């Protein structure tokens, strides 16, 4: 059985490392997560929203890894693939849960980093210590079609 004291120390330690090395989650420093507004009644027969609307963003502490991907043809634009590694504490502090259902709901939102919007392809937990995952990787693809 994990000791809550050790678990809490790990969670706080990872948060301190991320805020020191990468960003502190203050204004304009971090990644914005925009949850999908599921209360919109404008849905099609499949239950999907025709025009997606997003709730107010939350600012998350993260380590960002941006990889430009060139298209197959020279005339195509360069799209970015991104990985945003977010701490458990940053998610919890912003009232974002980490259960399987919560992660599935979060996948329908978008991320915005340095003015660029990204669709969330997948969310994967990382660094399992003392009965919790300390980090969550948001794997994303740049989208030029989204305005928030």
N, C-alpha and C. Protein backbone atom coordinates (compact mmCIF):
# COMPACT_ATOMS: atom_id res chain seq x y z
N UNK A 1 0.85 -1.18 0.00
CA UNK A 1 0.00 0.00 0.00
C UNK A 1 0.90 1.25 0.00
N UNK A 2 0.63 2.18 -0.90
CA UNK A 2 1.48 3.36 -0.98
C UNK A 2 1.27 4.29 0.22
N UNK A 3 2.33 4.94 0.57
CA UNK A 3 2.25 5.92 1.64
C UNK A 3 1.92 7.27 1.03
N UNK A 4 0.84 7.86 1.50
CA UNK A 4 0.36 9.13 0.94
C UNK A 4 1.40 10.24 1.08
N UNK A 5 2.20 10.20 2.11
CA UNK A 5 3.23 11.21 2.34
C UNK A 5 4.26 11.18 1.20
N UNK A 6 4.69 9.96 0.85
CA UNK A 6 5.67 9.79 -0.23
C UNK A 6 5.03 10.17 -1.57
N UNK A 7 3.80 9.75 -1.78
CA UNK A 7 3.08 10.07 -3.01
C UNK A 7 2.97 11.59 -3.19
N UNK A 8 2.59 12.29 -2.14
CA UNK A 8 2.45 13.74 -2.21
C UNK A 8 3.80 14.42 -2.47
N UNK A 9 4.87 13.89 -1.88
CA UNK A 9 6.20 14.46 -2.10
C UNK A 9 6.61 14.30 -3.56
N UNK A 10 6.33 13.15 -4.16
CA UNK A 10 6.63 12.94 -5.58
C UNK A 10 5.85 13.92 -6.46
N UNK A 11 4.56 14.06 -6.20
CA UNK A 11 3.71 14.94 -6.99
C UNK A 11 4.20 16.38 -6.89
N UNK A 12 4.49 16.85 -5.69
CA UNK A 12 4.98 18.22 -5.50
C UNK A 12 6.37 18.41 -6.10
N UNK A 13 7.22 17.37 -6.01
CA UNK A 13 8.57 17.46 -6.55
C UNK A 13 8.57 17.59 -8.06
N UNK A 14 7.75 16.80 -8.72
CA UNK A 14 7.66 16.89 -10.18
C UNK A 14 7.13 18.26 -10.60
N UNK A 15 6.14 18.77 -9.89
CA UNK A 15 5.61 20.11 -10.19
C UNK A 15 6.69 21.16 -10.04
N UNK A 16 7.49 21.08 -9.00
CA UNK A 16 8.57 22.04 -8.78
C UNK A 16 9.60 21.97 -9.90
N UNK A 17 9.97 20.77 -10.31
CA UNK A 17 10.93 20.61 -11.41
C UNK A 17 10.39 21.23 -12.69
N UNK A 18 9.14 20.95 -13.03
CA UNK A 18 8.57 21.48 -14.26
C UNK A 18 8.46 23.00 -14.22
N UNK A 19 8.04 23.57 -13.09
CA UNK A 19 7.92 25.03 -13.01
C UNK A 19 9.28 25.71 -13.02
N UNK A 20 10.31 25.02 -12.56
CA UNK A 20 11.66 25.59 -12.56
C UNK A 20 12.31 25.47 -13.94
N UNK A 21 12.21 24.31 -14.56
CA UNK A 21 12.91 24.06 -15.82
C UNK A 21 12.15 24.49 -17.06
N UNK A 22 10.84 24.34 -17.08
CA UNK A 22 10.10 24.54 -18.32
C UNK A 22 9.23 25.79 -18.30
N UNK A 23 8.24 25.84 -17.44
CA UNK A 23 7.42 27.05 -17.32
C UNK A 23 6.68 27.00 -16.00
N UNK A 24 6.21 28.14 -15.58
CA UNK A 24 5.58 28.20 -14.26
C UNK A 24 4.06 28.28 -14.31
N UNK A 25 3.48 28.18 -15.50
CA UNK A 25 2.03 28.21 -15.61
C UNK A 25 1.43 29.58 -15.41
N UNK A 26 2.27 30.62 -15.40
CA UNK A 26 1.73 31.97 -15.28
C UNK A 26 1.27 32.43 -16.66
N UNK A 27 0.64 33.58 -16.72
CA UNK A 27 0.09 34.09 -17.97
C UNK A 27 1.15 34.08 -19.07
N UNK A 28 0.80 33.55 -20.23
CA UNK A 28 1.68 33.45 -21.39
C UNK A 28 2.85 32.50 -21.19
N UNK A 29 2.80 31.65 -20.19
CA UNK A 29 3.88 30.71 -19.95
C UNK A 29 3.27 29.35 -19.60
N UNK A 30 3.12 28.52 -20.59
CA UNK A 30 2.48 27.22 -20.42
C UNK A 30 1.62 26.95 -21.64
N UNK A 31 0.78 25.96 -21.54
CA UNK A 31 -0.11 25.61 -22.64
C UNK A 31 -1.55 25.80 -22.16
N UNK A 32 -2.37 26.36 -23.04
CA UNK A 32 -3.79 26.53 -22.73
C UNK A 32 -4.55 25.30 -23.20
N UNK A 33 -5.38 24.76 -22.32
CA UNK A 33 -6.26 23.66 -22.66
C UNK A 33 -7.69 24.20 -22.71
N UNK A 34 -8.36 24.00 -23.84
CA UNK A 34 -9.75 24.43 -24.03
C UNK A 34 -10.65 23.19 -24.03
N UNK A 35 -11.42 22.98 -22.96
CA UNK A 35 -12.35 21.84 -22.95
C UNK A 35 -13.49 22.06 -23.93
N UNK A 36 -13.94 20.99 -24.57
CA UNK A 36 -15.08 21.07 -25.46
C UNK A 36 -16.34 21.34 -24.65
N UNK A 37 -17.15 22.26 -25.12
CA UNK A 37 -18.42 22.57 -24.46
C UNK A 37 -19.45 21.54 -24.93
N UNK A 38 -19.73 20.58 -24.09
CA UNK A 38 -20.65 19.49 -24.46
C UNK A 38 -22.11 19.85 -24.20
N UNK A 39 -22.36 21.01 -23.66
CA UNK A 39 -23.73 21.42 -23.37
C UNK A 39 -24.42 22.04 -24.57
N UNK A 40 -23.72 22.13 -25.69
CA UNK A 40 -24.27 22.68 -26.92
C UNK A 40 -25.27 21.68 -27.51
N UNK A 41 -26.45 22.13 -27.83
CA UNK A 41 -27.49 21.23 -28.34
C UNK A 41 -27.45 21.10 -29.85
N UNK A 42 -26.52 21.75 -30.51
CA UNK A 42 -26.40 21.74 -31.96
C UNK A 42 -25.63 20.49 -32.41
N UNK A 43 -26.29 19.32 -32.39
CA UNK A 43 -25.63 18.07 -32.74
C UNK A 43 -26.30 17.43 -33.95
N UNK A 44 -25.55 16.58 -34.66
CA UNK A 44 -26.11 15.86 -35.80
C UNK A 44 -26.67 14.52 -35.32
N UNK A 45 -27.08 13.67 -36.26
CA UNK A 45 -27.72 12.40 -35.90
C UNK A 45 -26.76 11.46 -35.19
N UNK A 46 -25.46 11.67 -35.31
CA UNK A 46 -24.47 10.82 -34.65
C UNK A 46 -24.09 11.35 -33.27
N UNK A 47 -24.71 12.44 -32.85
CA UNK A 47 -24.40 13.02 -31.55
C UNK A 47 -23.16 13.89 -31.57
N UNK A 48 -22.65 14.21 -32.75
CA UNK A 48 -21.46 15.06 -32.87
C UNK A 48 -21.90 16.50 -33.07
N UNK A 49 -21.10 17.42 -32.57
CA UNK A 49 -21.42 18.84 -32.73
C UNK A 49 -20.99 19.31 -34.11
N UNK A 50 -21.88 20.04 -34.77
CA UNK A 50 -21.55 20.57 -36.09
C UNK A 50 -20.52 21.67 -35.98
N UNK A 51 -20.77 22.64 -35.12
CA UNK A 51 -19.82 23.73 -34.88
C UNK A 51 -19.37 23.61 -33.43
N UNK A 52 -18.13 23.21 -33.26
CA UNK A 52 -17.64 22.97 -31.90
C UNK A 52 -17.40 24.29 -31.19
N UNK A 53 -17.81 24.32 -29.94
CA UNK A 53 -17.58 25.46 -29.08
C UNK A 53 -16.77 24.98 -27.88
N UNK A 54 -15.88 25.84 -27.42
CA UNK A 54 -15.00 25.46 -26.33
C UNK A 54 -15.24 26.35 -25.12
N UNK A 55 -15.03 25.79 -23.95
CA UNK A 55 -15.16 26.53 -22.70
C UNK A 55 -13.93 27.41 -22.50
N UNK A 56 -13.96 28.21 -21.45
CA UNK A 56 -12.81 29.04 -21.13
C UNK A 56 -11.59 28.16 -20.87
N UNK A 57 -10.42 28.63 -21.29
CA UNK A 57 -9.22 27.79 -21.17
C UNK A 57 -8.67 27.76 -19.75
N UNK A 58 -7.89 26.71 -19.51
CA UNK A 58 -7.10 26.63 -18.29
C UNK A 58 -5.64 26.58 -18.72
N UNK A 59 -4.78 27.20 -17.94
CA UNK A 59 -3.35 27.26 -18.25
C UNK A 59 -2.64 26.16 -17.48
N UNK A 60 -1.94 25.28 -18.21
CA UNK A 60 -1.28 24.13 -17.61
C UNK A 60 0.24 24.27 -17.66
N UNK A 61 0.89 23.81 -16.62
CA UNK A 61 2.34 23.72 -16.59
C UNK A 61 2.73 22.54 -17.46
N UNK A 62 3.69 22.73 -18.36
CA UNK A 62 4.04 21.64 -19.25
C UNK A 62 5.46 21.75 -19.78
N UNK A 63 5.93 20.65 -20.32
CA UNK A 63 7.13 20.62 -21.14
C UNK A 63 6.61 20.41 -22.56
N UNK A 64 6.96 21.30 -23.48
CA UNK A 64 6.45 21.18 -24.85
C UNK A 64 7.55 20.70 -25.79
N UNK A 65 7.17 19.78 -26.65
CA UNK A 65 8.07 19.25 -27.67
C UNK A 65 7.35 19.41 -29.00
N UNK A 66 7.86 20.27 -29.88
CA UNK A 66 7.24 20.56 -31.16
C UNK A 66 8.12 19.96 -32.26
N UNK A 67 7.52 19.16 -33.14
CA UNK A 67 8.23 18.55 -34.26
C UNK A 67 7.56 18.94 -35.57
N UNK A 68 8.22 19.75 -36.41
CA UNK A 68 7.63 20.07 -37.70
C UNK A 68 7.64 18.86 -38.62
N UNK A 69 6.53 18.62 -39.29
CA UNK A 69 6.39 17.51 -40.22
C UNK A 69 6.07 18.10 -41.59
N UNK A 70 6.94 17.85 -42.55
CA UNK A 70 6.72 18.35 -43.91
C UNK A 70 5.83 17.39 -44.67
N UNK A 71 4.94 17.93 -45.48
CA UNK A 71 4.06 17.10 -46.29
C UNK A 71 4.84 16.36 -47.37
N UNK A 72 4.14 15.48 -48.08
CA UNK A 72 4.79 14.68 -49.11
C UNK A 72 5.22 15.51 -50.31
N UNK A 73 4.53 16.59 -50.57
CA UNK A 73 4.87 17.43 -51.72
C UNK A 73 5.46 18.74 -51.22
N UNK A 74 6.33 19.32 -52.05
CA UNK A 74 7.03 20.55 -51.66
C UNK A 74 6.08 21.72 -51.44
N UNK A 75 4.95 21.73 -52.11
CA UNK A 75 4.03 22.86 -51.99
C UNK A 75 3.17 22.79 -50.75
N UNK A 76 3.17 21.65 -50.07
CA UNK A 76 2.36 21.52 -48.87
C UNK A 76 2.97 22.30 -47.71
N UNK A 77 2.11 22.74 -46.83
CA UNK A 77 2.58 23.47 -45.65
C UNK A 77 3.18 22.51 -44.64
N UNK A 78 4.02 23.05 -43.79
CA UNK A 78 4.61 22.25 -42.72
C UNK A 78 3.63 22.24 -41.55
N UNK A 79 3.28 21.07 -41.08
CA UNK A 79 2.43 20.93 -39.91
C UNK A 79 3.28 20.50 -38.73
N UNK A 80 2.87 20.91 -37.57
CA UNK A 80 3.60 20.54 -36.37
C UNK A 80 2.91 19.41 -35.64
N UNK A 81 3.70 18.46 -35.21
CA UNK A 81 3.25 17.44 -34.26
C UNK A 81 3.79 17.92 -32.92
N UNK A 82 3.00 17.81 -31.89
CA UNK A 82 3.43 18.31 -30.59
C UNK A 82 3.14 17.29 -29.50
N UNK A 83 4.00 17.32 -28.51
CA UNK A 83 3.76 16.55 -27.29
C UNK A 83 3.86 17.54 -26.14
N UNK A 84 2.80 17.63 -25.37
CA UNK A 84 2.79 18.48 -24.18
C UNK A 84 2.75 17.56 -22.97
N UNK A 85 3.82 17.55 -22.21
CA UNK A 85 3.90 16.71 -21.01
C UNK A 85 3.44 17.57 -19.84
N UNK A 86 2.30 17.21 -19.25
CA UNK A 86 1.66 18.00 -18.21
C UNK A 86 1.74 17.23 -16.89
N UNK A 87 1.97 17.96 -15.81
CA UNK A 87 2.07 17.31 -14.50
C UNK A 87 0.68 17.00 -13.94
N UNK A 88 0.63 15.97 -13.13
CA UNK A 88 -0.61 15.59 -12.45
C UNK A 88 -1.13 16.76 -11.61
N UNK A 89 -0.24 17.42 -10.90
CA UNK A 89 -0.66 18.51 -10.01
C UNK A 89 -1.29 19.65 -10.80
N UNK A 90 -0.75 19.95 -11.98
CA UNK A 90 -1.31 21.01 -12.81
C UNK A 90 -2.73 20.65 -13.25
N UNK A 91 -2.95 19.40 -13.61
CA UNK A 91 -4.29 18.96 -13.99
C UNK A 91 -5.26 19.04 -12.81
N UNK A 92 -4.84 18.51 -11.67
CA UNK A 92 -5.69 18.50 -10.48
C UNK A 92 -5.99 19.92 -10.00
N UNK A 93 -4.98 20.80 -10.03
CA UNK A 93 -5.19 22.19 -9.61
C UNK A 93 -6.20 22.92 -10.49
N UNK A 94 -6.37 22.44 -11.73
CA UNK A 94 -7.32 23.06 -12.66
C UNK A 94 -8.61 22.25 -12.78
N UNK A 95 -8.87 21.41 -11.79
CA UNK A 95 -10.10 20.61 -11.71
C UNK A 95 -10.30 19.70 -12.92
N UNK A 96 -9.20 19.15 -13.43
CA UNK A 96 -9.26 18.18 -14.52
C UNK A 96 -8.93 16.81 -13.95
N UNK A 97 -9.84 15.89 -14.09
CA UNK A 97 -9.65 14.55 -13.55
C UNK A 97 -8.75 13.71 -14.44
N UNK A 98 -8.30 12.58 -13.91
CA UNK A 98 -7.40 11.71 -14.66
C UNK A 98 -7.91 10.27 -14.74
N UNK A 99 -9.20 10.08 -14.54
CA UNK A 99 -9.77 8.75 -14.74
C UNK A 99 -9.86 8.50 -16.25
N UNK A 100 -10.12 7.26 -16.62
CA UNK A 100 -10.24 6.94 -18.05
C UNK A 100 -11.33 7.77 -18.71
N UNK A 101 -12.45 7.95 -18.03
CA UNK A 101 -13.55 8.75 -18.58
C UNK A 101 -13.13 10.22 -18.73
N UNK A 102 -12.42 10.75 -17.73
CA UNK A 102 -11.95 12.14 -17.79
C UNK A 102 -10.98 12.34 -18.96
N UNK A 103 -10.07 11.39 -19.15
CA UNK A 103 -9.10 11.49 -20.24
C UNK A 103 -9.80 11.43 -21.60
N UNK A 104 -10.81 10.59 -21.71
CA UNK A 104 -11.57 10.50 -22.95
C UNK A 104 -12.28 11.83 -23.25
N UNK A 105 -12.82 12.46 -22.22
CA UNK A 105 -13.46 13.76 -22.39
C UNK A 105 -12.44 14.82 -22.77
N UNK A 106 -11.26 14.79 -22.14
CA UNK A 106 -10.22 15.78 -22.44
C UNK A 106 -9.72 15.66 -23.88
N UNK A 107 -9.74 14.47 -24.45
CA UNK A 107 -9.27 14.26 -25.83
C UNK A 107 -10.09 15.06 -26.83
N UNK A 108 -11.29 15.43 -26.47
CA UNK A 108 -12.14 16.19 -27.39
C UNK A 108 -11.87 17.68 -27.34
N UNK A 109 -11.05 18.13 -26.41
CA UNK A 109 -10.68 19.54 -26.32
C UNK A 109 -9.53 19.86 -27.26
N UNK A 110 -9.00 21.07 -27.13
CA UNK A 110 -7.84 21.46 -27.93
C UNK A 110 -6.81 22.13 -27.02
N UNK A 111 -5.58 22.20 -27.53
CA UNK A 111 -4.49 22.88 -26.83
C UNK A 111 -4.08 24.08 -27.67
N UNK A 112 -3.62 25.12 -27.00
CA UNK A 112 -3.11 26.30 -27.71
C UNK A 112 -1.78 26.68 -27.07
N UNK A 113 -0.74 26.69 -27.89
CA UNK A 113 0.61 26.98 -27.41
C UNK A 113 1.24 28.01 -28.33
N UNK A 114 1.65 29.13 -27.76
CA UNK A 114 2.27 30.23 -28.52
C UNK A 114 1.42 30.64 -29.71
N UNK A 115 0.11 30.73 -29.52
CA UNK A 115 -0.80 31.20 -30.55
C UNK A 115 -1.19 30.16 -31.59
N UNK A 116 -0.72 28.93 -31.47
CA UNK A 116 -1.03 27.87 -32.43
C UNK A 116 -1.96 26.87 -31.76
N UNK A 117 -3.03 26.47 -32.47
CA UNK A 117 -3.99 25.51 -31.93
C UNK A 117 -3.63 24.10 -32.37
N UNK A 118 -3.84 23.16 -31.47
CA UNK A 118 -3.52 21.76 -31.71
C UNK A 118 -4.72 20.89 -31.33
N UNK A 119 -5.04 19.93 -32.20
CA UNK A 119 -6.04 18.92 -31.89
C UNK A 119 -5.37 17.83 -31.07
N UNK A 120 -6.05 17.32 -30.07
CA UNK A 120 -5.49 16.28 -29.22
C UNK A 120 -5.78 14.92 -29.86
N UNK A 121 -4.70 14.22 -30.20
CA UNK A 121 -4.83 12.89 -30.79
C UNK A 121 -4.95 11.81 -29.72
N UNK A 122 -4.16 11.96 -28.67
CA UNK A 122 -4.16 10.95 -27.61
C UNK A 122 -3.58 11.56 -26.34
N UNK A 123 -3.94 10.96 -25.22
CA UNK A 123 -3.38 11.34 -23.92
C UNK A 123 -2.88 10.06 -23.27
N UNK A 124 -1.60 10.06 -22.89
CA UNK A 124 -1.02 8.86 -22.30
C UNK A 124 -0.39 9.19 -20.96
N UNK A 125 -0.74 8.43 -19.92
CA UNK A 125 -0.11 8.64 -18.61
C UNK A 125 1.32 8.12 -18.64
N UNK A 126 2.19 8.76 -17.84
CA UNK A 126 3.60 8.39 -17.76
C UNK A 126 4.06 8.46 -16.32
N UNK A 127 5.17 7.83 -16.03
CA UNK A 127 5.86 7.91 -14.74
C UNK A 127 4.96 7.47 -13.58
N UNK A 128 4.74 6.17 -13.48
CA UNK A 128 3.91 5.59 -12.44
C UNK A 128 4.75 5.39 -11.18
N UNK A 129 4.45 6.16 -10.14
CA UNK A 129 5.19 6.08 -8.88
C UNK A 129 4.20 6.15 -7.72
N UNK A 130 4.35 5.24 -6.78
CA UNK A 130 3.53 5.24 -5.58
C UNK A 130 2.04 5.30 -5.88
N UNK A 131 1.59 4.45 -6.82
CA UNK A 131 0.18 4.27 -7.11
C UNK A 131 -0.47 5.41 -7.90
N UNK A 132 0.30 6.33 -8.48
CA UNK A 132 -0.26 7.39 -9.32
C UNK A 132 0.67 7.63 -10.51
N UNK A 133 0.08 8.16 -11.59
CA UNK A 133 0.87 8.63 -12.71
C UNK A 133 1.21 10.10 -12.45
N UNK A 134 2.48 10.45 -12.54
CA UNK A 134 2.91 11.82 -12.25
C UNK A 134 2.80 12.75 -13.45
N UNK A 135 2.83 12.19 -14.65
CA UNK A 135 2.84 12.99 -15.88
C UNK A 135 1.81 12.45 -16.87
N UNK A 136 1.31 13.33 -17.71
CA UNK A 136 0.39 12.96 -18.78
C UNK A 136 0.86 13.63 -20.06
N UNK A 137 1.10 12.81 -21.10
CA UNK A 137 1.52 13.34 -22.40
C UNK A 137 0.31 13.53 -23.30
N UNK A 138 0.15 14.75 -23.78
CA UNK A 138 -0.90 15.09 -24.74
C UNK A 138 -0.24 15.10 -26.11
N UNK A 139 -0.56 14.12 -26.95
CA UNK A 139 -0.02 14.05 -28.31
C UNK A 139 -0.98 14.78 -29.23
N UNK A 140 -0.47 15.77 -29.95
CA UNK A 140 -1.33 16.67 -30.70
C UNK A 140 -0.83 16.91 -32.13
N UNK A 141 -1.75 17.38 -32.97
CA UNK A 141 -1.45 17.77 -34.34
C UNK A 141 -1.94 19.19 -34.55
N UNK A 142 -1.11 20.00 -35.17
CA UNK A 142 -1.47 21.39 -35.43
C UNK A 142 -2.70 21.46 -36.32
N UNK A 143 -3.59 22.42 -36.04
CA UNK A 143 -4.78 22.63 -36.85
C UNK A 143 -4.89 24.11 -37.21
N UNK A 144 -4.99 24.36 -38.50
CA UNK A 144 -5.15 25.74 -38.97
C UNK A 144 -6.62 26.13 -39.09
N UNK A 145 -7.52 25.16 -38.87
CA UNK A 145 -8.95 25.38 -39.04
C UNK A 145 -9.65 25.85 -37.78
N UNK A 146 -8.97 25.87 -36.66
CA UNK A 146 -9.61 26.20 -35.39
C UNK A 146 -9.22 27.60 -34.94
N UNK A 147 -10.21 28.35 -34.53
CA UNK A 147 -10.00 29.69 -33.97
C UNK A 147 -10.64 29.73 -32.58
N UNK A 148 -9.86 30.06 -31.58
CA UNK A 148 -10.41 30.22 -30.23
C UNK A 148 -10.03 31.56 -29.66
